[in-house]
PDB file of N, CA and C in Angstrom:
ATOM      1  N   MET A   1      93.707  99.985  82.640  1.00  0.00           N
ATOM      2  CA  MET A   1      93.365 100.797  83.792  1.00  0.00           C
ATOM      3  C   MET A   1      94.505 100.725  84.797  1.00  0.00           C
ATOM      4  N   LYS A   2      94.539 101.668  85.722  1.00  0.00           N
ATOM      5  CA  LYS A   2      95.577 101.687  86.752  1.00  0.00           C
ATOM      6  C   LYS A   2      95.029 101.085  88.048  1.00  0.00           C
ATOM      7  N   CYS A   3      95.879 100.341  88.726  1.00  0.00           N
ATOM      8  CA  CYS A   3      95.521  99.735  90.011  1.00  0.00           C
ATOM      9  C   CYS A   3      95.328 100.826  91.064  1.00  0.00           C
ATOM     10  N   GLU A   4      94.251 100.715  91.830  1.00  0.00           N
ATOM     11  CA  GLU A   4      93.964 101.685  92.889  1.00  0.00           C
ATOM     12  C   GLU A   4      94.917 101.556  94.068  1.00  0.00           C
ATOM     13  N   PHE A   5      95.574 100.413  94.218  1.00  0.00           N
ATOM     14  CA  PHE A   5      96.431 100.176  95.376  1.00  0.00           C
ATOM     15  C   PHE A   5      97.885 100.552  95.130  1.00  0.00           C
ATOM     16  N   CYS A   6      98.435 100.143  93.982  1.00  0.00           N
ATOM     17  CA  CYS A   6      99.863 100.373  93.748  1.00  0.00           C
ATOM     18  C   CYS A   6     100.161 101.232  92.528  1.00  0.00           C
ATOM     19  N   GLY A   7      99.140 101.532  91.718  1.00  0.00           N
ATOM     20  CA  GLY A   7      99.346 102.345  90.534  1.00  0.00           C
ATOM     21  C   GLY A   7      99.838 101.575  89.324  1.00  0.00           C
ATOM     22  N   GLY A   8      99.997 100.257  89.456  1.00  0.00           N
ATOM     23  CA  GLY A   8     100.445  99.424  88.346  1.00  0.00           C
ATOM     24  C   GLY A   8      99.396  99.327  87.252  1.00  0.00           C
ATOM     25  N   GLN A   9      99.804  98.862  86.100  1.00  0.00           N
ATOM     26  CA  GLN A   9      98.894  98.708  84.960  1.00  0.00           C
ATOM     27  C   GLN A   9      98.196  97.347  85.039  1.00  0.00           C
ATOM     28  N   THR A  10      96.906  97.313  84.708  1.00  0.00           N
ATOM     29  CA  THR A  10      96.157  96.060  84.725  1.00  0.00           C
ATOM     30  C   THR A  10      96.053  95.474  83.324  1.00  0.00           C
ATOM     31  N   VAL A  11      95.819  94.163  83.284  1.00  0.00           N
ATOM     32  CA  VAL A  11      95.664  93.420  82.036  1.00  0.00           C
ATOM     33  C   VAL A  11      94.413  92.561  82.154  1.00  0.00           C
ATOM     34  N   LYS A  12      93.623  92.473  81.062  1.00  0.00           N
ATOM     35  CA  LYS A  12      92.433  91.611  81.070  1.00  0.00           C
ATOM     36  C   LYS A  12      92.869  90.156  81.000  1.00  0.00           C
ATOM     37  N   ARG A  13      92.271  89.342  81.881  1.00  0.00           N
ATOM     38  CA  ARG A  13      92.529  87.902  81.896  1.00  0.00           C
ATOM     39  C   ARG A  13      91.260  87.186  82.351  1.00  0.00           C
ATOM     40  N   LYS A  14      91.227  85.896  82.068  1.00  0.00           N
ATOM     41  CA  LYS A  14      90.155  85.039  82.588  1.00  0.00           C
ATOM     42  C   LYS A  14      90.722  84.324  83.820  1.00  0.00           C
ATOM     43  N   VAL A  15      89.966  84.356  84.914  1.00  0.00           N
ATOM     44  CA  VAL A  15      90.431  83.806  86.185  1.00  0.00           C
ATOM     45  C   VAL A  15      89.359  82.920  86.811  1.00  0.00           C
ATOM     46  N   ARG A  16      89.756  82.213  87.859  1.00  0.00           N
ATOM     47  CA  ARG A  16      88.812  81.468  88.696  1.00  0.00           C
ATOM     48  C   ARG A  16      88.459  82.383  89.866  1.00  0.00           C
ATOM     49  N   LYS A  17      87.166  82.613  90.079  1.00  0.00           N
ATOM     50  CA  LYS A  17      86.715  83.522  91.124  1.00  0.00           C
ATOM     51  C   LYS A  17      85.969  82.775  92.215  1.00  0.00           C
ATOM     52  N   GLN A  18      86.317  83.072  93.462  1.00  0.00           N
ATOM     53  CA  GLN A  18      85.542  82.584  94.592  1.00  0.00           C
ATOM     54  C   GLN A  18      84.365  83.546  94.745  1.00  0.00           C
ATOM     55  N   HIS A  19      83.156  83.011  94.786  1.00  0.00           N
ATOM     56  CA  HIS A  19      81.965  83.865  94.770  1.00  0.00           C
ATOM     57  C   HIS A  19      80.959  83.360  95.804  1.00  0.00           C
ATOM     58  N   TRP A  20      80.616  84.213  96.762  1.00  0.00           N
ATOM     59  CA  TRP A  20      79.600  83.879  97.758  1.00  0.00           C
ATOM     60  C   TRP A  20      78.251  84.385  97.288  1.00  0.00           C
ATOM     61  N   LEU A  21      77.233  83.550  97.404  1.00  0.00           N
ATOM     62  CA  LEU A  21      75.866  83.948  97.070  1.00  0.00           C
ATOM     63  C   LEU A  21      74.915  83.214  98.006  1.00  0.00           C
ATOM     64  N   GLU A  22      74.128  83.988  98.736  1.00  0.00           N
ATOM     65  CA  GLU A  22      73.125  83.442  99.653  1.00  0.00           C
ATOM     66  C   GLU A  22      73.725  82.404 100.599  1.00  0.00           C
ATOM     67  N   GLY A  23      74.895  82.725 101.149  1.00  0.00           N
ATOM     68  CA  GLY A  23      75.530  81.866 102.148  1.00  0.00           C
ATOM     69  C   GLY A  23      76.249  80.651 101.597  1.00  0.00           C
ATOM     70  N   ARG A  24      76.363  80.557 100.280  1.00  0.00           N
ATOM     71  CA  ARG A  24      77.041  79.415  99.657  1.00  0.00           C
ATOM     72  C   ARG A  24      78.249  79.909  98.879  1.00  0.00           C
ATOM     73  N   LEU A  25      79.317  79.109  98.916  1.00  0.00           N
ATOM     74  CA  LEU A  25      80.539  79.450  98.201  1.00  0.00           C
ATOM     75  C   LEU A  25      80.606  78.687  96.889  1.00  0.00           C
ATOM     76  N   TYR A  26      80.922  79.405  95.814  1.00  0.00           N
ATOM     77  CA  TYR A  26      81.078  78.822  94.485  1.00  0.00           C
ATOM     78  C   TYR A  26      82.458  79.183  93.952  1.00  0.00           C
ATOM     79  N   LEU A  27      83.027  78.315  93.143  1.00  0.00           N
ATOM     80  CA  LEU A  27      84.210  78.635  92.355  1.00  0.00           C
ATOM     81  C   LEU A  27      83.737  78.729  90.914  1.00  0.00           C
ATOM     82  N   VAL A  28      83.913  79.894  90.321  1.00  0.00           N
ATOM     83  CA  VAL A  28      83.442  80.135  88.963  1.00  0.00           C
ATOM     84  C   VAL A  28      84.667  80.318  88.072  1.00  0.00           C
ATOM     85  N   GLU A  29      84.779  79.489  87.042  1.00  0.00           N
ATOM     86  CA  GLU A  29      85.933  79.543  86.153  1.00  0.00           C
ATOM     87  C   GLU A  29      85.667  80.439  84.948  1.00  0.00           C
ATOM     88  N   ASN A  30      86.748  80.894  84.334  1.00  0.00           N
ATOM     89  CA  ASN A  30      86.697  81.692  83.090  1.00  0.00           C
ATOM     90  C   ASN A  30      85.973  83.021  83.259  1.00  0.00           C
ATOM     91  N   VAL A  31      86.206  83.686  84.383  1.00  0.00           N
ATOM     92  CA  VAL A  31      85.597  84.985  84.645  1.00  0.00           C
ATOM     93  C   VAL A  31      86.564  86.080  84.204  1.00  0.00           C
ATOM     94  N   GLU A  32      86.075  87.015  83.383  1.00  0.00           N
ATOM     95  CA  GLU A  32      86.920  88.102  82.925  1.00  0.00           C
ATOM     96  C   GLU A  32      87.190  89.089  84.059  1.00  0.00           C
ATOM     97  N   ALA A  33      88.470  89.450  84.208  1.00  0.00           N
ATOM     98  CA  ALA A  33      88.875  90.388  85.256  1.00  0.00           C
ATOM     99  C   ALA A  33      90.032  91.234  84.747  1.00  0.00           C
ATOM    100  N   GLU A  34      90.266  92.347  85.411  1.00  0.00           N
ATOM    101  CA  GLU A  34      91.460  93.160  85.202  1.00  0.00           C
ATOM    102  C   GLU A  34      92.413  92.808  86.344  1.00  0.00           C
ATOM    103  N   ILE A  35      93.617  92.368  85.996  1.00  0.00           N
ATOM    104  CA  ILE A  35      94.599  91.927  86.991  1.00  0.00           C
ATOM    105  C   ILE A  35      95.784  92.881  86.968  1.00  0.00           C
ATOM    106  N   CYS A  36      96.190  93.380  88.138  1.00  0.00           N
ATOM    107  CA  CYS A  36      97.347  94.265  88.220  1.00  0.00           C
ATOM    108  C   CYS A  36      98.620  93.449  88.027  1.00  0.00           C
ATOM    109  N   GLY A  37      99.477  93.899  87.110  1.00  0.00           N
ATOM    110  CA  GLY A  37     100.733  93.217  86.842  1.00  0.00           C
ATOM    111  C   GLY A  37     101.757  93.402  87.937  1.00  0.00           C
ATOM    112  N   GLU A  38     101.561  94.391  88.815  1.00  0.00           N
ATOM    113  CA  GLU A  38     102.510  94.664  89.899  1.00  0.00           C
ATOM    114  C   GLU A  38     102.146  93.919  91.187  1.00  0.00           C
ATOM    115  N   CYS A  39     100.916  94.107  91.665  1.00  0.00           N
ATOM    116  CA  CYS A  39     100.545  93.548  92.976  1.00  0.00           C
ATOM    117  C   CYS A  39      99.547  92.393  92.894  1.00  0.00           C
ATOM    118  N   GLY A  40      98.946  92.158  91.707  1.00  0.00           N
ATOM    119  CA  GLY A  40      98.016  91.043  91.553  1.00  0.00           C
ATOM    120  C   GLY A  40      96.580  91.343  91.935  1.00  0.00           C
ATOM    121  N   GLU A  41      96.280  92.576  92.338  1.00  0.00           N
ATOM    122  CA  GLU A  41      94.893  92.928  92.686  1.00  0.00           C
ATOM    123  C   GLU A  41      93.978  92.636  91.499  1.00  0.00           C
ATOM    124  N   ARG A  42      92.774  92.116  91.806  1.00  0.00           N
ATOM    125  CA  ARG A  42      91.829  91.729  90.757  1.00  0.00           C
ATOM    126  C   ARG A  42      90.609  92.640  90.807  1.00  0.00           C
ATOM    127  N   TYR A  43      90.159  93.074  89.624  1.00  0.00           N
ATOM    128  CA  TYR A  43      88.991  93.932  89.497  1.00  0.00           C
ATOM    129  C   TYR A  43      87.979  93.247  88.593  1.00  0.00           C
ATOM    130  N   PHE A  44      86.719  93.228  89.050  1.00  0.00           N
ATOM    131  CA  PHE A  44      85.633  92.623  88.284  1.00  0.00           C
ATOM    132  C   PHE A  44      84.593  93.688  87.975  1.00  0.00           C
ATOM    133  N   HIS A  45      84.144  93.758  86.741  1.00  0.00           N
ATOM    134  CA  HIS A  45      83.120  94.717  86.346  1.00  0.00           C
ATOM    135  C   HIS A  45      81.795  94.303  86.991  1.00  0.00           C
ATOM    136  N   ALA A  46      81.007  95.279  87.410  1.00  0.00           N
ATOM    137  CA  ALA A  46      79.731  95.004  88.083  1.00  0.00           C
ATOM    138  C   ALA A  46      78.799  94.160  87.216  1.00  0.00           C
ATOM    139  N   THR A  47      78.803  94.371  85.907  1.00  0.00           N
ATOM    140  CA  THR A  47      77.922  93.579  85.047  1.00  0.00           C
ATOM    141  C   THR A  47      78.341  92.109  85.036  1.00  0.00           C
ATOM    142  N   VAL A  48      79.632  91.846  85.146  1.00  0.00           N
ATOM    143  CA  VAL A  48      80.117  90.457  85.213  1.00  0.00           C
ATOM    144  C   VAL A  48      79.630  89.809  86.510  1.00  0.00           C
ATOM    145  N   LEU A  49      79.725  90.536  87.618  1.00  0.00           N
ATOM    146  CA  LEU A  49      79.270  89.992  88.904  1.00  0.00           C
ATOM    147  C   LEU A  49      77.764  89.745  88.896  1.00  0.00           C
ATOM    148  N   ASP A  50      77.010  90.645  88.277  1.00  0.00           N
ATOM    149  CA  ASP A  50      75.552  90.451  88.160  1.00  0.00           C
ATOM    150  C   ASP A  50      75.236  89.214  87.323  1.00  0.00           C
ATOM    151  N   ARG A  51      75.990  88.999  86.242  1.00  0.00           N
ATOM    152  CA  ARG A  51      75.770  87.822  85.399  1.00  0.00           C
ATOM    153  C   ARG A  51      76.086  86.534  86.158  1.00  0.00           C
ATOM    154  N   ILE A  52      77.118  86.561  87.006  1.00  0.00           N
ATOM    155  CA  ILE A  52      77.438  85.385  87.820  1.00  0.00           C
ATOM    156  C   ILE A  52      76.282  85.087  88.766  1.00  0.00           C
ATOM    157  N   ASP A  53      75.785  86.112  89.451  1.00  0.00           N
ATOM    158  CA  ASP A  53      74.643  85.916  90.360  1.00  0.00           C
ATOM    159  C   ASP A  53      73.461  85.301  89.631  1.00  0.00           C
ATOM    160  N   ALA A  54      73.127  85.850  88.459  1.00  0.00           N
ATOM    161  CA  ALA A  54      71.976  85.349  87.694  1.00  0.00           C
ATOM    162  C   ALA A  54      72.203  83.898  87.272  1.00  0.00           C
ATOM    163  N   MET A  55      73.414  83.575  86.840  1.00  0.00           N
ATOM    164  CA  MET A  55      73.730  82.205  86.418  1.00  0.00           C
ATOM    165  C   MET A  55      73.559  81.228  87.586  1.00  0.00           C
ATOM    166  N   LEU A  56      74.063  81.618  88.765  1.00  0.00           N
ATOM    167  CA  LEU A  56      74.010  80.720  89.913  1.00  0.00           C
ATOM    168  C   LEU A  56      72.596  80.569  90.476  1.00  0.00           C
ATOM    169  N   LYS A  57      71.774  81.588  90.334  1.00  0.00           N
ATOM    170  CA  LYS A  57      70.391  81.503  90.813  1.00  0.00           C
ATOM    171  C   LYS A  57      69.538  80.623  89.907  1.00  0.00           C
ATOM    172  N   ALA A  58      69.915  80.534  88.645  1.00  0.00           N
ATOM    173  CA  ALA A  58      69.188  79.700  87.685  1.00  0.00           C
ATOM    174  C   ALA A  58      69.764  78.281  87.727  1.00  0.00           C
ATOM    175  N   GLU A  59      69.116  77.369  87.051  1.00  0.00           N
ATOM    176  CA  GLU A  59      69.654  76.018  86.940  1.00  0.00           C
ATOM    177  C   GLU A  59      70.941  76.099  86.124  1.00  0.00           C
ATOM    178  N   HIS A  60      72.008  75.492  86.648  1.00  0.00           N
ATOM    179  CA  HIS A  60      73.307  75.593  85.988  1.00  0.00           C
ATOM    180  C   HIS A  60      74.058  74.272  86.076  1.00  0.00           C
ATOM    181  N   HIS A  61      74.978  74.091  85.149  1.00  0.00           N
ATOM    182  CA  HIS A  61      75.808  72.885  85.109  1.00  0.00           C
ATOM    183  C   HIS A  61      76.861  72.956  86.215  1.00  0.00           C
ATOM    184  N   VAL A  62      77.033  71.855  86.939  1.00  0.00           N
ATOM    185  CA  VAL A  62      78.069  71.762  87.976  1.00  0.00           C
ATOM    186  C   VAL A  62      79.192  70.897  87.431  1.00  0.00           C
ATOM    187  N   LYS A  63      80.353  71.489  87.245  1.00  0.00           N
ATOM    188  CA  LYS A  63      81.511  70.791  86.688  1.00  0.00           C
ATOM    189  C   LYS A  63      82.119  69.818  87.697  1.00  0.00           C
ATOM    190  N   GLU A  64      82.157  70.230  88.969  1.00  0.00           N
ATOM    191  CA  GLU A  64      82.821  69.428  90.002  1.00  0.00           C
ATOM    192  C   GLU A  64      82.345  69.897  91.368  1.00  0.00           C
ATOM    193  N   ARG A  65      82.346  68.999  92.336  1.00  0.00           N
ATOM    194  CA  ARG A  65      82.036  69.348  93.728  1.00  0.00           C
ATOM    195  C   ARG A  65      83.278  69.106  94.561  1.00  0.00           C
ATOM    196  N   LEU A  66      83.564  70.039  95.471  1.00  0.00           N
ATOM    197  CA  LEU A  66      84.740  69.951  96.332  1.00  0.00           C
ATOM    198  C   LEU A  66      84.313  69.971  97.796  1.00  0.00           C
ATOM    199  N   SER A  67      85.123  69.376  98.634  1.00  0.00           N
ATOM    200  CA  SER A  67      84.919  69.437 100.079  1.00  0.00           C
ATOM    201  C   SER A  67      85.942  70.421 100.643  1.00  0.00           C
ATOM    202  N   VAL A  68      85.476  71.339 101.515  1.00  0.00           N
ATOM    203  CA  VAL A  68      86.358  72.374 102.044  1.00  0.00           C
ATOM    204  C   VAL A  68      86.293  72.350 103.565  1.00  0.00           C
ATOM    205  N   GLU A  69      87.464  72.406 104.210  1.00  0.00           N
ATOM    206  CA  GLU A  69      87.513  72.514 105.674  1.00  0.00           C
ATOM    207  C   GLU A  69      87.402  73.977 106.082  1.00  0.00           C
ATOM    208  N   VAL A  70      86.659  74.233 107.161  1.00  0.00           N
ATOM    209  CA  VAL A  70      86.541  75.571 107.729  1.00  0.00           C
ATOM    210  C   VAL A  70      87.179  75.517 109.102  1.00  0.00           C
ATOM    211  N   VAL A  71      88.184  76.354 109.334  1.00  0.00           N
ATOM    212  CA  VAL A  71      88.901  76.364 110.615  1.00  0.00           C
ATOM    213  C   VAL A  71      88.946  77.778 111.152  1.00  0.00           C
ATOM    214  N   SER A  72      89.136  77.904 112.463  1.00  0.00           N
ATOM    215  CA  SER A  72      89.249  79.200 113.107  1.00  0.00           C
ATOM    216  C   SER A  72      90.707  79.462 113.455  1.00  0.00           C
ATOM    217  N   PHE A  73      91.213  80.616 113.110  1.00  0.00           N
ATOM    218  CA  PHE A  73      92.607  80.968 113.359  1.00  0.00           C
ATOM    219  C   PHE A  73      92.839  81.361 114.815  1.00  0.00           C
ATOM    220  N   ALA A  74      91.800  81.834 115.473  1.00  0.00           N
ATOM    221  CA  ALA A  74      91.944  82.324 116.861  1.00  0.00           C
ATOM    222  C   ALA A  74      92.090  81.203 117.852  1.00  0.00           C
TER     223      ALA A  74
END
């Protein structure tokens, strides 16, 4: 597919996705995406995003827990 931003060609890859659900942040590994070879823009199919939501709402294995700082730039 062509990138909507720069017109570059995309390639299917598995990536780590930051995913917000119900006010919580998750890092989900091995998510299939289309990645632009020119600008790096990432595209996720709606069915993949729906599957992530369903997985996170159900009981799921937690590989690792991380601590994240939240800061204000202003």
